[in-house]
Amino acid sequence: MNWAIFEGLLSGVNKYSTAFGRIWLSLVFIFRVLVYLVTAERVWSDDHKDFDCNTRQPGCSNVCFDEFFPVSHVRLWALQLILVTCPSLLVVMHVAYRKAREKRHQEATGEGSGHLHLDPGKKRGGLWWTYVCSLVFKAGIDATFLYVFHSFYPKYTLPRVVKCHAVPCGNIVDCFISKPSEKNIFTLFMVVTAAICILLNLVELAYLVSKRCRECLAARRARAAWTGHHPHCKQDDLLSGDLIFLASDTHPPLVPAPPQDYMKKTIL
């Protein structure tokens, strides 16, 4: 698999990520993708060839290997790395859609007619929800694969000797795994890095949600303070923008424009 193309597609994610997202991306490429390419594939390249059983029964070694290794570690890790990075590509695609929409808008109405998005990469409106959903999906995918690994290989470790009694083996056969200690070290390393990535996703999710809640509360307090000084303005009209705030690309005004009737009375 050409991981260079894969890395190039995700290089643009850094532009639209928070500090936690950049740490997550660095962790994925340095401690997961590079370790997978440099060491893991070589360590598991001979797992079937060096899986020895103390029997000459035809087909017994293949059946025992398939029973203990239903899915190869390297293939599960490759699938995990692909799926866990796909949500980040959705963020890049959403930003690209915004830029294309802004370009069509400028071509149709002219450059001086305003902008649909002042900053297409700013996490506002739909892009905020896309980014938050990507964090949830990434954490969920890593957690799912950790559960799958644990169900296949309890405690994420490989024994030195496997007892096999599957057909066509005539009796209980002892099978020996190649380099079990080295494989256990790399398995635990990949498990720990996946757990750290889940933690980073949850921390970033909490950071984004808390930041948005603080912005909503600040806007609500500013409206309430302005209403206290201008009792002619309707409270329902001022608070109706809170729901729009999460779905809009720009902040709602902290001090809304007063009604026209009130302005006329003041001038007169």
Protein backbone atom coordinates (compact mmCIF):
# COMPACT_ATOMS: atom_id res chain seq x y z
CA MET A 1 0.00 0.00 0.00
CA ASN A 2 1.27 3.46 -0.89
CA TRP A 3 1.10 5.28 2.43
CA ALA A 4 2.82 8.39 0.96
CA ILE A 5 -0.37 9.30 -0.94
CA PHE A 6 -2.37 8.66 2.19
CA GLU A 7 -0.10 10.96 4.20
CA GLY A 8 -0.32 13.68 1.55
CA LEU A 9 -4.12 13.67 1.74
CA LEU A 10 -4.05 14.19 5.49
CA SER A 11 -1.33 16.83 5.52
CA GLY A 12 -3.95 19.54 5.04
CA VAL A 13 -5.76 18.51 8.22
CA ASN A 14 -3.18 20.45 10.26
CA LYS A 15 -4.55 23.74 8.88
CA TYR A 16 -8.01 23.14 10.30
CA SER A 17 -7.16 21.33 13.55
CA THR A 18 -6.74 22.55 17.10
CA ALA A 19 -3.54 21.95 19.06
CA PHE A 20 -4.94 18.63 20.28
CA GLY A 21 -5.76 17.63 16.71
CA ARG A 22 -2.20 18.36 15.57
CA ILE A 23 -0.82 16.27 18.43
CA TRP A 24 -3.19 13.45 17.45
CA LEU A 25 -2.11 13.60 13.81
CA SER A 26 1.59 13.58 14.74
CA LEU A 27 1.02 10.63 17.05
CA VAL A 28 -0.80 8.70 14.33
CA PHE A 29 1.91 9.18 11.71
CA ILE A 30 5.01 8.93 13.88
CA PHE A 31 4.05 6.26 16.41
CA ARG A 32 1.49 4.27 14.46
CA VAL A 33 1.96 4.52 10.70
CA LEU A 34 5.78 4.62 10.76
CA VAL A 35 6.03 1.85 13.36
CA TYR A 36 3.62 -0.20 11.29
CA LEU A 37 5.61 0.30 8.08
CA VAL A 38 9.11 -0.05 9.51
CA THR A 39 8.73 -2.84 12.05
CA ALA A 40 5.31 -4.45 12.35
CA GLU A 41 5.06 -5.72 8.78
CA ARG A 42 8.51 -7.31 9.04
CA VAL A 43 7.83 -8.91 12.44
CA TRP A 44 4.60 -10.54 11.23
CA SER A 45 5.82 -11.40 7.72
CA ASP A 46 6.85 -14.94 8.70
CA ASP A 47 4.06 -15.79 11.16
CA HIS A 48 2.55 -18.56 9.00
CA LYS A 49 5.83 -19.97 7.71
CA ASP A 50 7.33 -20.25 11.21
CA PHE A 51 4.19 -21.56 12.88
CA ASP A 52 5.39 -25.06 13.75
CA CYS A 53 3.25 -27.90 15.07
CA ASN A 54 4.54 -31.26 16.35
CA THR A 55 2.60 -33.29 13.83
CA ARG A 56 2.88 -34.41 10.22
CA GLN A 57 -0.86 -34.65 9.66
CA PRO A 58 -1.63 -32.89 6.34
CA GLY A 59 -3.54 -29.69 6.85
CA CYS A 60 -3.28 -29.72 10.64
CA SER A 61 -0.83 -26.78 10.83
CA ASN A 62 -2.96 -24.64 8.51
CA VAL A 63 -6.15 -25.35 10.47
CA CYS A 64 -4.48 -24.60 13.80
CA PHE A 65 -3.00 -21.37 12.47
CA ASP A 66 -6.39 -20.25 11.15
CA GLU A 67 -8.04 -21.13 14.48
CA PHE A 68 -5.61 -19.07 16.55
CA PHE A 69 -5.00 -16.25 13.99
CA PRO A 70 -8.46 -15.65 12.42
CA VAL A 71 -7.26 -12.21 11.27
CA SER A 72 -3.66 -11.12 10.93
CA HIS A 73 -2.43 -8.35 13.23
CA VAL A 74 -0.99 -6.32 10.36
CA ARG A 75 -4.21 -6.44 8.34
CA LEU A 76 -6.29 -5.39 11.33
CA TRP A 77 -3.89 -2.51 12.02
CA ALA A 78 -3.94 -1.41 8.38
CA LEU A 79 -7.74 -1.41 8.37
CA GLN A 80 -7.77 0.46 11.69
CA LEU A 81 -5.39 3.17 10.47
CA ILE A 82 -7.39 3.68 7.29
CA LEU A 83 -10.74 3.93 9.05
CA VAL A 84 -9.50 6.11 11.90
CA THR A 85 -8.11 8.74 9.54
CA CYS A 86 -11.07 8.86 7.13
CA PRO A 87 -13.14 11.22 9.37
CA SER A 88 -10.31 13.77 9.15
CA LEU A 89 -10.62 13.65 5.37
CA LEU A 90 -14.27 14.63 5.72
CA VAL A 91 -13.17 17.87 7.39
CA VAL A 92 -10.82 18.63 4.48
CA MET A 93 -13.58 17.86 1.97
CA HIS A 94 -16.00 20.14 3.83
CA VAL A 95 -13.49 23.01 3.72
CA ALA A 96 -12.91 22.37 0.01
CA TYR A 97 -16.69 22.50 -0.56
CA ARG A 98 -16.85 25.84 1.27
CA LYS A 99 -14.05 27.29 -0.83
CA ALA A 100 -15.68 26.14 -4.07
CA ARG A 101 -19.02 27.59 -2.96
CA GLU A 102 -17.37 30.89 -2.05
CA LYS A 103 -15.63 31.00 -5.44
CA ARG A 104 -18.90 30.42 -7.31
CA HIS A 105 -20.56 33.11 -5.22
CA GLN A 106 -17.84 35.64 -6.03
CA GLU A 107 -18.00 34.81 -9.74
CA ALA A 108 -21.78 35.17 -9.79
CA THR A 109 -22.17 38.37 -7.76
CA GLY A 110 -18.81 40.10 -8.01
CA GLU A 111 -15.98 40.57 -5.56
CA GLY A 112 -17.54 43.52 -3.73
CA SER A 113 -20.84 41.80 -2.93
CA GLY A 114 -19.74 40.19 0.34
CA HIS A 115 -18.65 36.73 1.36
CA LEU A 116 -20.51 33.57 2.24
CA HIS A 117 -17.62 32.54 4.51
CA LEU A 118 -15.03 35.04 5.67
CA ASP A 119 -12.72 32.16 6.60
CA PRO A 120 -13.74 28.80 5.04
CA GLY A 121 -11.45 26.90 7.42
CA LYS A 122 -12.89 28.43 10.60
CA LYS A 123 -14.85 25.93 12.63
CA ARG A 124 -18.26 27.61 12.54
CA GLY A 125 -21.66 26.33 11.52
CA GLY A 126 -21.67 23.06 9.64
CA LEU A 127 -17.89 22.71 9.73
CA TRP A 128 -18.00 22.75 13.54
CA TRP A 129 -20.45 19.87 13.54
CA THR A 130 -18.40 17.97 10.95
CA TYR A 131 -15.28 18.36 13.08
CA VAL A 132 -17.06 17.27 16.26
CA CYS A 133 -18.57 14.22 14.54
CA SER A 134 -15.14 13.29 13.16
CA LEU A 135 -13.75 13.25 16.72
CA VAL A 136 -16.57 10.98 17.90
CA PHE A 137 -16.06 8.61 14.97
CA LYS A 138 -12.28 8.45 15.44
CA ALA A 139 -12.59 7.63 19.13
CA GLY A 140 -15.31 5.07 18.41
CA ILE A 141 -13.30 3.33 15.68
CA ASP A 142 -10.19 3.01 17.86
CA ALA A 143 -12.26 1.74 20.79
CA THR A 144 -13.98 -0.82 18.54
CA PHE A 145 -10.69 -2.18 17.23
CA LEU A 146 -9.27 -2.41 20.76
CA TYR A 147 -12.28 -4.52 21.69
CA VAL A 148 -11.83 -6.71 18.58
CA PHE A 149 -8.15 -7.26 19.37
CA HIS A 150 -8.99 -8.17 22.95
CA SER A 151 -11.66 -10.64 21.84
CA PHE A 152 -9.26 -12.35 19.44
CA TYR A 153 -6.18 -12.20 21.67
CA PRO A 154 -7.06 -11.93 25.40
CA LYS A 155 -4.93 -9.39 27.30
CA TYR A 156 -3.39 -8.46 23.90
CA THR A 157 -0.68 -11.11 24.33
CA LEU A 158 0.37 -14.20 22.41
CA PRO A 159 1.32 -17.44 24.21
CA ARG A 160 4.48 -19.29 23.35
CA VAL A 161 2.67 -22.61 22.86
CA VAL A 162 -0.83 -23.16 21.48
CA LYS A 163 -2.87 -26.28 22.19
CA CYS A 164 -4.83 -27.27 19.08
CA HIS A 165 -7.30 -30.13 18.67
CA ALA A 166 -9.17 -29.09 15.53
CA VAL A 167 -10.04 -31.42 12.68
CA PRO A 168 -8.08 -32.99 10.88
CA CYS A 169 -5.61 -33.15 13.81
CA GLY A 170 -5.92 -36.62 15.34
CA ASN A 171 -5.24 -35.49 18.90
CA ILE A 172 -4.14 -32.42 20.87
CA VAL A 173 -1.23 -30.81 19.01
CA ASP A 174 1.32 -28.35 20.37
CA CYS A 175 2.01 -25.46 18.03
CA PHE A 176 4.76 -22.87 18.52
CA ILE A 177 4.53 -19.20 17.52
CA SER A 178 7.52 -17.41 16.03
CA LYS A 179 9.00 -14.56 18.14
CA PRO A 180 6.11 -14.24 20.61
CA SER A 181 7.94 -11.80 22.95
CA GLU A 182 8.73 -9.36 20.12
CA LYS A 183 5.17 -9.55 18.81
CA ASN A 184 3.77 -8.93 22.28
CA ILE A 185 5.90 -5.80 22.65
CA PHE A 186 4.69 -4.32 19.38
CA THR A 187 1.09 -5.31 20.10
CA LEU A 188 1.13 -3.55 23.47
CA PHE A 189 2.80 -0.52 21.88
CA MET A 190 0.07 -0.21 19.25
CA VAL A 191 -2.62 -0.70 21.90
CA VAL A 192 -1.16 2.03 24.14
CA THR A 193 -0.86 4.51 21.25
CA ALA A 194 -4.45 3.79 20.21
CA ALA A 195 -5.60 4.44 23.80
CA ILE A 196 -3.68 7.74 23.87
CA CYS A 197 -5.32 8.74 20.57
CA ILE A 198 -8.76 8.03 22.08
CA LEU A 199 -7.88 10.21 25.07
CA LEU A 200 -6.75 13.05 22.80
CA ASN A 201 -9.97 12.85 20.80
CA LEU A 202 -12.07 13.05 23.97
CA VAL A 203 -10.02 15.96 25.34
CA GLU A 204 -10.37 17.85 22.05
CA LEU A 205 -14.10 17.14 21.97
CA ALA A 206 -14.50 18.48 25.52
CA TYR A 207 -12.44 21.54 24.62
CA LEU A 208 -14.55 22.40 21.56
CA VAL A 209 -17.87 21.88 23.32
CA SER A 210 -16.84 23.88 26.40
CA LYS A 211 -15.49 26.69 24.24
CA ARG A 212 -18.74 26.90 22.29
CA CYS A 213 -20.79 26.84 25.49
CA ARG A 214 -18.72 29.70 26.93
CA GLU A 215 -19.28 31.73 23.75
CA CYS A 216 -23.05 31.12 23.92
CA LEU A 217 -23.17 32.11 27.59
CA ALA A 218 -21.15 35.27 26.91
CA ALA A 219 -23.51 36.26 24.09
CA ARG A 220 -26.55 35.58 26.30
CA ARG A 221 -25.16 37.70 29.15
CA ALA A 222 -24.37 40.55 26.77
CA ARG A 223 -27.91 40.47 25.41
CA ALA A 224 -29.36 40.35 28.92
CA ALA A 225 -27.23 43.33 29.97
CA TRP A 226 -28.28 45.30 26.91
CA THR A 227 -31.94 44.46 27.53
CA GLY A 228 -31.66 45.79 31.08
CA HIS A 229 -30.64 49.20 29.72
CA HIS A 230 -33.19 49.12 26.86
CA PRO A 231 -36.50 47.76 28.19
CA HIS A 232 -38.36 48.55 24.94
CA CYS A 233 -36.53 45.71 23.17
CA LYS A 234 -38.29 42.34 23.28
CA GLN A 235 -36.47 39.62 25.22
CA ASP A 236 -37.75 36.86 22.90
CA ASP A 237 -36.20 38.57 19.88
CA LEU A 238 -32.84 38.84 21.61
CA LEU A 239 -32.69 35.22 22.77
CA SER A 240 -33.88 33.75 19.47
CA GLY A 241 -30.35 34.01 18.03
CA ASP A 242 -28.89 31.46 20.48
CA LEU A 243 -30.12 28.58 18.36
CA ILE A 244 -28.78 30.23 15.23
CA PHE A 245 -25.38 30.67 16.85
CA LEU A 246 -24.45 27.00 16.69
CA ALA A 247 -25.45 26.74 13.03
CA SER A 248 -24.04 30.02 11.76
CA ASP A 249 -20.63 30.79 10.36
CA THR A 250 -20.27 34.07 12.22
CA HIS A 251 -20.88 35.22 15.76
CA PRO A 252 -24.23 36.86 16.45
CA PRO A 253 -23.88 40.49 17.46
CA LEU A 254 -23.31 40.87 21.17
CA VAL A 255 -25.31 44.14 21.11
CA PRO A 256 -28.26 43.83 18.69
CA ALA A 257 -29.50 46.82 16.75
CA PRO A 258 -32.40 48.56 18.52
CA PRO A 259 -35.81 48.73 16.84
CA GLN A 260 -36.47 51.52 14.38
CA ASP A 261 -39.42 52.98 16.35
CA TYR A 262 -37.24 53.44 19.38
CA MET A 263 -34.60 55.20 17.33
CA LYS A 264 -37.15 57.65 15.91
CA LYS A 265 -38.43 58.56 19.34
CA THR A 266 -34.90 59.17 20.58
CA ILE A 267 -34.04 61.41 17.64
CA LEU A 268 -37.23 63.38 17.94
